[in-house]
N, C-alpha and C. Protein backbone atom coordinates (compact mmCIF):
# COMPACT_ATOMS: atom_id res chain seq x y z
N MET A 1 26.24 93.67 93.17
CA MET A 1 26.74 92.41 93.00
C MET A 1 28.06 92.41 92.40
N ILE A 2 27.97 93.01 91.12
CA ILE A 2 29.20 93.26 90.34
C ILE A 2 30.37 93.93 91.15
N ILE A 3 30.05 94.86 91.71
CA ILE A 3 31.02 95.74 92.28
C ILE A 3 31.54 94.97 93.44
N GLU A 4 30.61 94.21 94.35
CA GLU A 4 31.27 93.57 95.42
C GLU A 4 31.92 92.48 94.84
N ILE A 5 31.77 91.70 93.92
CA ILE A 5 32.73 90.79 93.26
C ILE A 5 34.08 91.33 92.79
N PHE A 6 34.00 92.56 92.26
CA PHE A 6 35.33 93.28 91.84
C PHE A 6 36.12 93.50 92.90
N LEU A 7 35.50 94.15 93.95
CA LEU A 7 36.24 94.44 95.18
C LEU A 7 36.77 93.39 95.85
N LYS A 8 36.16 92.30 95.88
CA LYS A 8 36.66 90.99 96.60
C LYS A 8 37.91 90.55 95.88
N GLY A 9 37.83 90.77 94.60
CA GLY A 9 39.04 90.04 93.82
C GLY A 9 40.15 91.07 94.02
N PHE A 10 39.95 92.36 94.16
CA PHE A 10 40.97 93.41 94.30
C PHE A 10 41.53 93.31 95.54
N ILE A 11 40.63 93.12 96.88
CA ILE A 11 41.22 93.09 98.02
C ILE A 11 41.96 91.88 98.34
N VAL A 12 41.38 90.65 97.86
CA VAL A 12 42.21 89.26 97.89
C VAL A 12 43.44 89.25 97.53
N THR A 13 43.40 90.02 96.14
CA THR A 13 44.89 89.90 95.22
C THR A 13 45.80 90.76 96.08
N PHE A 14 45.38 92.10 96.34
CA PHE A 14 46.26 92.86 96.98
C PHE A 14 46.88 92.67 98.14
N SER A 15 46.08 91.86 99.04
CA SER A 15 46.68 91.45 100.51
C SER A 15 47.67 90.51 100.42
N LEU A 16 47.75 89.89 98.96
CA LEU A 16 48.52 88.53 98.99
C LEU A 16 49.74 89.21 98.25
N ILE A 17 49.83 89.94 97.34
CA ILE A 17 51.00 90.23 96.63
C ILE A 17 51.79 91.23 97.29
N VAL A 18 50.97 92.06 98.36
CA VAL A 18 51.91 93.26 98.77
C VAL A 18 53.12 92.44 99.72
N ALA A 19 53.16 91.34 99.96
CA ALA A 19 54.10 90.46 100.81
C ALA A 19 55.36 90.52 100.16
N ILE A 20 56.58 90.88 100.94
CA ILE A 20 57.55 90.87 99.99
C ILE A 20 58.12 89.45 99.85
N GLY A 21 58.61 89.49 98.30
CA GLY A 21 58.72 88.14 97.86
C GLY A 21 60.02 88.31 96.80
N ALA A 22 60.41 87.29 96.05
CA ALA A 22 61.47 87.28 95.25
C ALA A 22 61.25 88.28 94.11
N GLN A 23 59.93 88.33 93.45
CA GLN A 23 59.51 88.98 92.45
C GLN A 23 59.38 90.29 92.69
N ASN A 24 58.80 90.80 93.95
CA ASN A 24 58.69 92.17 94.32
C ASN A 24 60.02 92.74 94.64
N ALA A 25 60.96 92.04 95.34
CA ALA A 25 62.21 92.51 95.60
C ALA A 25 62.96 92.82 94.36
N TYR A 26 62.96 92.07 93.25
CA TYR A 26 63.50 92.40 92.03
C TYR A 26 63.01 93.50 91.44
N ILE A 27 61.66 93.76 91.27
CA ILE A 27 61.15 94.90 90.67
C ILE A 27 61.48 96.09 91.39
N LEU A 28 61.57 96.18 92.86
CA LEU A 28 62.06 97.28 93.62
C LEU A 28 63.50 97.70 93.17
N LYS A 29 64.29 96.69 93.13
CA LYS A 29 65.65 96.90 92.68
C LYS A 29 65.71 97.83 91.24
N LEU A 30 64.97 97.05 90.41
CA LEU A 30 64.93 97.61 88.76
C LEU A 30 64.44 99.05 89.17
N GLY A 31 63.39 99.31 89.87
CA GLY A 31 62.88 100.69 89.87
C GLY A 31 63.87 101.66 90.42
N LEU A 32 64.62 101.21 91.44
CA LEU A 32 65.83 102.03 92.01
C LEU A 32 66.74 102.25 90.92
N LEU A 33 67.03 101.40 90.25
CA LEU A 33 68.23 101.49 89.17
C LEU A 33 67.72 102.12 87.95
N LYS A 34 66.41 102.37 87.86
CA LYS A 34 65.58 102.92 86.60
C LYS A 34 66.10 101.95 85.37
N GLN A 35 66.02 100.77 85.58
CA GLN A 35 66.19 99.72 84.39
C GLN A 35 64.97 99.11 83.85
N TYR A 36 64.58 99.33 82.79
CA TYR A 36 63.41 98.78 82.11
C TYR A 36 62.04 98.38 82.95
N ILE A 37 61.85 99.46 83.78
CA ILE A 37 60.79 99.52 84.61
C ILE A 37 59.46 99.20 84.02
N GLY A 38 59.24 99.95 82.79
CA GLY A 38 57.89 99.70 82.20
C GLY A 38 57.68 98.42 81.80
N ILE A 39 58.91 97.69 81.09
CA ILE A 39 58.94 96.38 80.65
C ILE A 39 58.54 95.37 81.57
N ALA A 40 59.24 95.56 82.71
CA ALA A 40 59.41 94.69 83.97
C ALA A 40 57.98 94.75 84.72
N VAL A 41 57.27 95.92 84.79
CA VAL A 41 56.07 95.89 85.27
C VAL A 41 54.97 95.42 84.58
N SER A 42 54.99 95.45 83.23
CA SER A 42 53.91 95.08 82.23
C SER A 42 54.06 93.47 82.17
N LEU A 43 55.21 93.10 82.15
CA LEU A 43 55.57 91.47 82.17
C LEU A 43 55.06 91.00 83.64
N CYS A 44 55.31 91.80 84.76
CA CYS A 44 54.37 91.07 85.79
C CYS A 44 53.16 90.95 85.90
N ILE A 45 52.47 91.97 85.55
CA ILE A 45 50.95 92.10 85.40
C ILE A 45 50.64 91.20 84.42
N LEU A 46 51.08 90.86 83.32
CA LEU A 46 50.85 90.01 82.14
C LEU A 46 50.64 88.65 82.84
N PHE A 47 51.87 88.19 83.60
CA PHE A 47 52.13 86.91 84.18
C PHE A 47 51.11 86.75 85.29
N ASP A 48 50.67 87.73 86.12
CA ASP A 48 49.69 87.50 87.14
C ASP A 48 48.35 87.38 86.41
N THR A 49 47.99 88.11 85.54
CA THR A 49 46.87 87.99 84.77
C THR A 49 46.47 86.59 84.16
N LEU A 50 47.70 85.91 83.59
CA LEU A 50 47.62 84.79 83.09
C LEU A 50 47.30 83.62 84.01
N LEU A 51 48.08 83.63 85.28
CA LEU A 51 48.00 82.82 86.26
C LEU A 51 46.85 82.63 87.19
N ILE A 52 46.33 83.90 87.42
CA ILE A 52 45.11 84.06 88.14
C ILE A 52 43.80 83.59 87.26
N SER A 53 43.94 83.82 86.02
CA SER A 53 42.76 83.57 84.97
C SER A 53 42.94 81.83 85.04
N ALA A 54 43.88 81.22 84.96
CA ALA A 54 44.04 79.88 84.99
C ALA A 54 43.58 79.27 86.27
N GLY A 55 43.83 79.90 87.53
CA GLY A 55 43.24 79.31 88.66
C GLY A 55 41.92 79.72 88.84
N VAL A 56 41.19 80.86 88.30
CA VAL A 56 39.75 81.01 88.34
C VAL A 56 39.10 80.02 87.61
N PHE A 57 39.60 79.61 86.56
CA PHE A 57 38.86 78.73 85.60
C PHE A 57 39.38 77.10 85.71
N GLY A 58 39.96 76.83 87.04
CA GLY A 58 39.94 75.64 87.31
C GLY A 58 41.54 75.00 87.30
N LEU A 59 42.48 75.56 86.82
CA LEU A 59 43.85 75.00 86.87
C LEU A 59 44.33 74.67 87.99
N GLY A 60 44.04 75.42 89.05
CA GLY A 60 44.24 75.25 90.66
C GLY A 60 44.12 73.91 90.98
N PHE A 61 42.94 73.25 90.90
CA PHE A 61 42.78 71.95 91.18
C PHE A 61 43.61 71.04 90.72
N PHE A 62 44.07 71.13 89.42
CA PHE A 62 45.07 70.24 88.92
C PHE A 62 46.46 70.04 89.41
N ILE A 63 46.85 71.50 89.82
CA ILE A 63 48.04 71.55 90.46
C ILE A 63 47.97 71.36 91.91
N GLN A 64 47.22 71.37 92.62
CA GLN A 64 47.05 71.12 93.85
C GLN A 64 46.84 69.36 94.15
N GLY A 65 46.51 68.82 92.99
CA GLY A 65 46.42 67.28 93.38
C GLY A 65 47.69 66.55 92.69
N ASN A 66 48.77 67.41 92.18
CA ASN A 66 49.75 66.71 91.45
C ASN A 66 51.01 66.96 92.36
N GLN A 67 51.27 66.23 93.21
CA GLN A 67 52.16 66.28 94.30
C GLN A 67 53.69 66.20 93.64
N LEU A 68 53.62 65.46 92.77
CA LEU A 68 54.90 65.36 91.88
C LEU A 68 55.46 66.49 91.28
N LEU A 69 54.47 67.27 90.60
CA LEU A 69 54.73 68.49 90.07
C LEU A 69 55.14 69.55 91.15
N ILE A 70 54.20 69.67 92.12
CA ILE A 70 54.60 70.66 93.18
C ILE A 70 56.06 70.36 93.66
N ASN A 71 56.50 69.13 93.78
CA ASN A 71 57.75 68.76 94.36
C ASN A 71 58.88 69.16 93.36
N GLY A 72 58.83 69.06 92.24
CA GLY A 72 59.50 69.35 91.10
C GLY A 72 59.67 71.08 91.10
N ILE A 73 58.61 71.67 91.34
CA ILE A 73 58.67 73.08 91.10
C ILE A 73 59.47 73.65 92.59
N ALA A 74 59.22 72.89 93.64
CA ALA A 74 59.61 73.40 95.04
C ALA A 74 61.30 73.29 95.08
N ILE A 75 61.81 72.08 94.52
CA ILE A 75 63.09 71.83 94.48
C ILE A 75 63.95 72.69 93.75
N ILE A 76 63.41 73.13 92.36
CA ILE A 76 63.86 74.05 91.45
C ILE A 76 64.04 75.60 91.99
N GLY A 77 62.77 75.73 92.75
CA GLY A 77 62.77 77.13 93.58
C GLY A 77 63.68 77.26 94.62
N ILE A 78 63.84 76.24 95.36
CA ILE A 78 64.79 76.25 96.50
C ILE A 78 66.17 76.45 95.75
N LEU A 79 66.72 75.77 94.89
CA LEU A 79 68.09 75.94 94.19
C LEU A 79 68.04 77.17 93.93
N PHE A 80 67.19 77.68 93.14
CA PHE A 80 67.68 79.11 92.52
C PHE A 80 67.49 80.14 93.62
N LEU A 81 66.55 79.91 94.72
CA LEU A 81 66.53 81.18 95.48
C LEU A 81 67.91 81.19 96.31
N CYS A 82 68.37 80.04 96.84
CA CYS A 82 69.75 80.07 97.25
C CYS A 82 70.70 80.44 96.59
N PHE A 83 70.77 80.35 95.24
CA PHE A 83 71.86 80.98 94.52
C PHE A 83 71.72 82.37 94.47
N TYR A 84 70.33 82.80 94.16
CA TYR A 84 70.11 84.20 94.12
C TYR A 84 70.48 85.10 95.40
N SER A 85 70.34 84.27 96.80
CA SER A 85 70.48 84.88 97.96
C SER A 85 72.18 84.99 97.90
N PHE A 86 72.84 84.04 97.60
CA PHE A 86 74.30 84.19 97.66
C PHE A 86 74.73 85.28 96.76
N MET A 87 74.24 85.54 95.57
CA MET A 87 74.49 86.72 94.71
C MET A 87 74.08 87.95 95.35
N SER A 88 73.09 88.15 96.18
CA SER A 88 72.66 89.30 96.66
C SER A 88 73.76 89.59 98.06
N PHE A 89 74.14 88.47 98.71
CA PHE A 89 75.01 88.82 99.63
C PHE A 89 76.47 89.15 99.12
N ARG A 90 76.87 88.65 98.09
CA ARG A 90 78.18 88.91 97.59
C ARG A 90 77.95 90.23 96.92
N SER A 91 77.06 90.82 96.46
CA SER A 91 76.68 92.23 96.09
C SER A 91 76.98 92.97 97.22
N ALA A 92 76.33 92.80 98.40
CA ALA A 92 76.38 93.53 99.51
C ALA A 92 77.69 93.95 100.01
N PHE A 93 78.64 92.91 100.09
CA PHE A 93 79.94 92.99 100.55
C PHE A 93 80.80 93.44 99.35
N LYS A 94 80.51 93.52 98.11
CA LYS A 94 81.55 94.05 97.08
C LYS A 94 81.02 95.54 96.64
N ASN A 95 79.96 95.92 97.25
CA ASN A 95 79.56 97.43 97.08
C ASN A 95 79.12 97.48 95.49
N GLU A 96 78.42 96.54 95.16
CA GLU A 96 77.88 96.49 93.56
C GLU A 96 76.64 97.24 93.48
N SER A 97 76.47 97.69 92.13
CA SER A 97 75.24 98.38 91.99
C SER A 97 74.87 99.57 92.70
N LEU A 98 75.87 100.23 92.93
CA LEU A 98 75.80 101.73 93.67
C LEU A 98 75.29 102.65 93.00
N GLU A 99 75.61 102.64 91.30
CA GLU A 99 75.15 103.74 90.38
C GLU A 99 73.86 103.82 90.13
N ILE A 100 73.14 104.93 90.52
CA ILE A 100 71.78 104.86 89.89
C ILE A 100 71.51 105.96 88.95
N ASP A 101 71.70 105.20 87.67
CA ASP A 101 71.69 106.10 86.55
C ASP A 101 70.97 105.59 85.33
N GLY A 102 69.87 106.17 85.00
CA GLY A 102 69.08 105.37 83.78
C GLY A 102 69.75 105.03 82.56
N LYS A 103 70.93 105.97 82.37
CA LYS A 103 71.64 105.86 81.07
C LYS A 103 72.66 104.67 81.17
N ASN A 104 72.77 104.30 82.27
CA ASN A 104 73.90 103.11 82.37
C ASN A 104 73.09 101.85 82.74
N LYS A 105 72.52 100.94 82.01
CA LYS A 105 71.90 99.70 82.39
C LYS A 105 72.81 98.69 82.45
N THR A 106 72.95 98.38 83.80
CA THR A 106 74.08 97.43 83.92
C THR A 106 73.32 95.94 83.77
N ASN A 107 72.15 95.72 83.63
CA ASN A 107 71.44 94.58 83.21
C ASN A 107 71.01 94.45 81.93
N PRO A 108 71.37 93.78 81.18
CA PRO A 108 70.86 93.29 79.73
C PRO A 108 69.40 93.15 79.60
N LEU A 109 68.58 93.63 78.82
CA LEU A 109 67.03 93.32 78.82
C LEU A 109 66.83 91.85 78.83
N LYS A 110 67.68 91.08 78.13
CA LYS A 110 67.45 89.67 78.32
C LYS A 110 67.66 89.01 79.49
N GLN A 111 68.47 89.47 80.24
CA GLN A 111 68.88 89.07 81.59
C GLN A 111 67.48 89.42 82.56
N VAL A 112 67.06 90.78 82.26
CA VAL A 112 65.76 91.10 83.16
C VAL A 112 64.64 90.29 83.00
N ILE A 113 64.36 89.92 81.51
CA ILE A 113 63.42 89.04 81.33
C ILE A 113 63.60 87.87 81.86
N THR A 114 64.63 87.37 81.71
CA THR A 114 65.03 85.83 82.15
C THR A 114 64.77 85.81 83.68
N MET A 115 64.99 86.59 84.52
CA MET A 115 65.09 86.85 85.79
C MET A 115 63.56 86.78 86.23
N LEU A 116 62.68 87.86 85.60
CA LEU A 116 61.39 87.90 85.88
C LEU A 116 60.65 86.56 85.67
N LEU A 117 61.01 85.74 84.55
CA LEU A 117 60.38 84.42 84.21
C LEU A 117 60.71 83.28 85.40
N VAL A 118 61.94 83.60 85.86
CA VAL A 118 62.40 82.55 86.80
C VAL A 118 61.90 82.84 88.12
N PHE A 119 61.64 84.15 88.49
CA PHE A 119 61.02 84.56 89.76
C PHE A 119 59.50 84.19 89.76
N THR A 120 59.11 84.41 88.66
CA THR A 120 57.52 84.11 88.32
C THR A 120 57.28 82.52 88.40
N PHE A 121 57.86 81.97 87.39
CA PHE A 121 57.41 80.51 87.30
C PHE A 121 57.92 79.42 87.73
N LEU A 122 59.14 79.57 88.37
CA LEU A 122 60.06 78.68 89.27
C LEU A 122 59.93 78.95 90.74
N ASN A 123 58.87 79.84 91.10
CA ASN A 123 58.74 80.13 92.29
C ASN A 123 57.33 79.48 92.97
N PRO A 124 57.41 78.32 93.59
CA PRO A 124 56.01 77.72 93.96
C PRO A 124 55.05 78.67 94.80
N HIS A 125 55.68 79.70 95.46
CA HIS A 125 54.76 80.68 96.12
C HIS A 125 53.80 81.47 95.16
N THR A 126 54.38 81.57 93.94
CA THR A 126 53.55 82.21 92.81
C THR A 126 52.27 81.57 92.69
N TYR A 127 52.43 80.14 92.38
CA TYR A 127 51.25 79.52 92.07
C TYR A 127 50.12 79.33 93.14
N LEU A 128 50.97 79.18 94.47
CA LEU A 128 50.07 79.16 95.84
C LEU A 128 49.27 80.34 95.79
N ASP A 129 49.85 81.73 95.57
CA ASP A 129 49.03 82.71 95.87
C ASP A 129 48.02 82.92 94.53
N THR A 130 48.54 82.87 93.33
CA THR A 130 47.87 83.36 92.23
C THR A 130 46.85 82.25 91.78
N VAL A 131 47.29 80.88 91.63
CA VAL A 131 46.37 80.06 91.06
C VAL A 131 45.79 79.33 92.02
N LEU A 132 46.31 78.89 93.18
CA LEU A 132 45.53 78.32 94.42
C LEU A 132 44.56 79.13 95.12
N LEU A 133 45.25 80.15 95.71
CA LEU A 133 44.31 81.03 96.39
C LEU A 133 43.57 81.78 95.87
N ILE A 134 44.20 82.72 95.12
CA ILE A 134 43.31 83.67 94.43
C ILE A 134 42.41 82.87 93.41
N GLY A 135 43.02 82.20 92.56
CA GLY A 135 42.14 81.37 91.68
C GLY A 135 41.17 80.69 92.40
N GLY A 136 41.50 79.84 93.44
CA GLY A 136 40.66 79.16 94.19
C GLY A 136 39.39 79.82 94.67
N ILE A 137 39.62 80.95 95.11
CA ILE A 137 38.45 81.75 95.54
C ILE A 137 37.50 82.08 94.33
N GLY A 138 38.34 82.67 93.16
CA GLY A 138 37.36 83.06 92.12
C GLY A 138 36.74 81.94 91.56
N ALA A 139 37.17 80.76 91.64
CA ALA A 139 36.51 79.59 90.97
C ALA A 139 35.21 79.18 91.51
N ASN A 140 35.05 79.49 92.85
CA ASN A 140 33.85 79.34 93.59
C ASN A 140 32.68 80.46 93.19
N ILE A 141 33.19 81.14 92.44
CA ILE A 141 32.11 82.27 92.23
C ILE A 141 31.15 81.96 91.07
N GLN A 142 30.19 82.22 91.06
CA GLN A 142 29.16 82.01 89.69
C GLN A 142 29.84 82.31 88.61
N SER A 143 29.50 81.44 87.68
CA SER A 143 30.31 81.43 86.53
C SER A 143 30.24 82.83 85.72
N ASP A 144 29.02 83.55 85.53
CA ASP A 144 29.11 84.54 84.83
C ASP A 144 29.48 85.81 85.71
N LEU A 145 29.92 85.64 86.91
CA LEU A 145 30.42 86.62 87.71
C LEU A 145 31.92 86.69 87.71
N LYS A 146 32.62 85.66 87.30
CA LYS A 146 33.99 85.24 87.63
C LYS A 146 34.85 86.35 86.81
N ILE A 147 34.38 86.98 85.71
CA ILE A 147 35.29 87.85 85.20
C ILE A 147 35.39 89.11 85.73
N TYR A 148 34.29 89.55 86.74
CA TYR A 148 34.42 90.55 87.31
C TYR A 148 35.46 90.52 88.66
N PHE A 149 35.32 89.30 89.24
CA PHE A 149 36.60 88.88 90.20
C PHE A 149 37.94 89.00 89.42
N LEU A 150 38.01 88.45 88.36
CA LEU A 150 39.20 88.66 87.71
C LEU A 150 39.78 90.11 87.24
N LEU A 151 39.01 90.78 87.01
CA LEU A 151 39.20 92.20 86.75
C LEU A 151 39.81 92.99 88.02
N GLY A 152 38.91 92.68 88.99
CA GLY A 152 39.49 93.30 90.36
C GLY A 152 40.72 92.72 90.73
N ALA A 153 40.95 91.37 90.49
CA ALA A 153 42.32 90.81 90.78
C ALA A 153 43.28 91.52 89.91
N VAL A 154 43.18 91.58 88.52
CA VAL A 154 44.06 92.22 87.65
C VAL A 154 44.44 93.62 87.91
N THR A 155 43.12 94.44 88.38
CA THR A 155 43.57 95.72 88.73
C THR A 155 44.36 95.57 90.04
N ALA A 156 44.34 94.92 91.03
CA ALA A 156 44.93 95.16 92.15
C ALA A 156 46.43 94.87 91.69
N SER A 157 46.71 93.79 90.91
CA SER A 157 48.04 93.48 90.64
C SER A 157 48.68 94.64 89.79
N SER A 158 47.92 95.21 89.00
CA SER A 158 48.63 96.50 88.27
C SER A 158 48.90 97.49 89.15
N THR A 159 47.94 97.82 89.92
CA THR A 159 48.27 99.04 90.78
C THR A 159 49.42 98.85 91.58
N TRP A 160 49.38 97.52 92.25
CA TRP A 160 50.85 97.30 93.12
C TRP A 160 52.18 97.14 92.38
N PHE A 161 52.35 96.63 91.29
CA PHE A 161 53.59 96.51 90.44
C PHE A 161 53.91 97.85 89.98
N MET A 162 52.86 98.73 89.65
CA MET A 162 53.15 100.22 89.29
C MET A 162 53.72 100.96 90.39
N LEU A 163 52.88 100.88 91.41
CA LEU A 163 53.51 101.42 92.82
C LEU A 163 54.72 101.07 93.08
N LEU A 164 55.03 99.78 93.13
CA LEU A 164 56.38 99.25 93.42
C LEU A 164 57.38 99.71 92.35
N GLY A 165 57.21 99.49 91.17
CA GLY A 165 58.44 99.96 90.10
C GLY A 165 58.55 101.55 89.88
N PHE A 166 57.46 102.07 89.65
CA PHE A 166 57.85 103.55 89.48
C PHE A 166 57.81 104.50 90.54
N GLY A 167 57.19 103.89 91.77
CA GLY A 167 57.50 104.55 93.09
C GLY A 167 58.62 104.46 93.69
N ALA A 168 59.54 103.59 93.38
CA ALA A 168 60.76 103.31 93.83
C ALA A 168 61.58 104.44 93.78
N ARG A 169 61.51 105.22 92.59
CA ARG A 169 62.30 106.15 92.41
C ARG A 169 62.31 107.54 93.47
N LEU A 170 61.39 107.35 94.30
CA LEU A 170 61.13 108.33 95.12
C LEU A 170 62.11 108.11 96.53
N LEU A 171 62.76 106.74 96.34
CA LEU A 171 63.62 106.36 97.58
C LEU A 171 65.15 106.55 97.07
N ILE A 172 65.16 107.08 95.71
CA ILE A 172 66.48 107.03 94.96
C ILE A 172 67.86 107.89 95.89
N PRO A 173 67.20 109.04 96.52
CA PRO A 173 68.12 110.05 97.18
C PRO A 173 68.73 109.17 98.41
N LEU A 174 67.91 108.39 99.02
CA LEU A 174 68.24 107.24 100.04
C LEU A 174 69.27 106.37 99.71
N PHE A 175 68.85 105.80 98.56
CA PHE A 175 69.75 104.72 97.88
C PHE A 175 71.00 105.18 97.20
N LYS A 176 71.26 106.40 97.32
CA LYS A 176 72.58 106.90 96.47
C LYS A 176 73.68 106.65 97.80
N LYS A 177 73.29 106.29 98.95
CA LYS A 177 74.27 105.95 100.05
C LYS A 177 74.58 104.41 100.03
N PRO A 178 75.87 104.09 99.87
CA PRO A 178 76.34 102.69 99.86
C PRO A 178 75.62 101.57 101.00
N ILE A 179 75.69 102.44 102.01
CA ILE A 179 75.18 101.54 103.32
C ILE A 179 73.67 101.05 102.90
N THR A 180 72.97 101.89 102.32
CA THR A 180 71.46 101.58 101.93
C THR A 180 71.50 100.49 101.13
N TRP A 181 72.59 100.47 100.01
CA TRP A 181 72.43 99.23 99.00
C TRP A 181 72.74 97.80 99.68
N LYS A 182 73.52 98.21 100.75
CA LYS A 182 74.14 96.99 101.59
C LYS A 182 73.10 96.45 102.31
N ILE A 183 72.21 97.32 102.93
CA ILE A 183 71.04 96.86 103.66
C ILE A 183 69.87 96.20 102.92
N LEU A 184 69.68 96.72 101.75
CA LEU A 184 68.73 96.32 100.69
C LEU A 184 69.22 94.73 100.19
N ASP A 185 70.43 94.63 99.53
CA ASP A 185 71.10 93.34 99.20
C ASP A 185 71.22 92.41 100.29
N THR A 186 71.53 92.85 101.56
CA THR A 186 71.45 91.91 102.68
C THR A 186 70.01 91.24 103.07
N SER A 187 69.07 92.23 103.04
CA SER A 187 67.62 91.78 103.36
C SER A 187 67.08 91.04 102.25
N ILE A 188 67.45 91.31 100.92
CA ILE A 188 67.08 90.49 99.79
C ILE A 188 67.45 88.93 100.07
N GLY A 189 68.67 88.91 100.52
CA GLY A 189 69.56 87.61 100.73
C GLY A 189 68.71 86.78 101.74
N ILE A 190 68.49 87.64 102.71
CA ILE A 190 67.75 86.85 103.65
C ILE A 190 66.41 86.49 103.40
N ILE A 191 65.68 87.36 102.67
CA ILE A 191 64.26 86.97 102.42
C ILE A 191 64.25 85.68 101.61
N MET A 192 65.20 85.64 100.46
CA MET A 192 65.29 84.39 99.70
C MET A 192 65.54 83.19 100.50
N LEU A 193 66.48 83.24 101.50
CA LEU A 193 66.48 82.16 102.18
C LEU A 193 65.53 81.72 102.86
N ILE A 194 64.63 82.54 103.39
CA ILE A 194 63.59 82.24 104.31
C ILE A 194 62.44 81.49 103.33
N ILE A 195 62.36 82.12 102.22
CA ILE A 195 61.45 81.65 101.10
C ILE A 195 61.62 80.30 100.86
N ALA A 196 63.00 80.03 100.49
CA ALA A 196 63.58 78.73 100.24
C ALA A 196 63.42 77.89 101.35
N TYR A 197 63.55 78.09 102.68
CA TYR A 197 63.20 77.23 103.58
C TYR A 197 61.91 76.90 103.74
N ASN A 198 60.97 77.79 103.56
CA ASN A 198 59.40 77.60 103.74
C ASN A 198 59.06 76.62 102.61
N LEU A 199 59.71 76.66 101.34
CA LEU A 199 59.53 75.60 100.39
C LEU A 199 59.67 74.32 100.74
N ILE A 200 60.51 74.07 101.43
CA ILE A 200 61.02 72.46 101.87
C ILE A 200 59.89 71.96 102.45
N GLY A 201 58.72 72.73 103.14
CA GLY A 201 57.59 72.05 103.49
C GLY A 201 56.47 71.57 102.37
N LEU A 202 56.87 72.25 101.38
CA LEU A 202 56.01 71.66 100.26
C LEU A 202 56.30 70.30 99.58
N ILE A 203 57.37 69.93 99.92
CA ILE A 203 57.95 68.61 99.28
C ILE A 203 57.45 67.31 100.34
N LYS A 204 56.83 66.57 99.49
CA LYS A 204 56.21 65.29 100.11
C LYS A 204 56.56 64.21 99.36
N TYR A 205 56.62 63.09 100.09
CA TYR A 205 57.08 61.81 99.40
C TYR A 205 55.77 60.67 99.68
């Protein structure tokens, strides 16, 4: 029973977080640039652990029933995603971020942490995935077994972010070509706009 609950938490979480989103795209870019990967991955795992724990132990029901809060988060998320999309398109056209050198950190640590905080806590999809969906499933599990579901979920999150952050360096030879960066930045810009568009559906009056 314990292994079954653990695997349930792992599979549900992994299937949801693998989808390309703002946070994943940013971690991938940091991994390619070899910038604060360990710190970024650790923060993402910590944030997921906190949010999934909150969902498993009941916070999801509060957020789900508070439309005003959902509206506020969605509006802020849309504005930020549109801004970041613009920045990504600008980067693609200006050939920015083409140097892949761990010694030259173009983004200050403070900026990296700020971006991760924004991508995590101002992105309504984060709450939908971690608190409502994953947490909602975990909340319906027998009380003394919830911890095993949570462990499975956290293991899945840790596995994914480590693969994404540290595995990105395997793609570095490909990303030494300017055209590849153009494609990545353009793709990220498009993804941000799609996510922002989808968030409009969350706003209700």
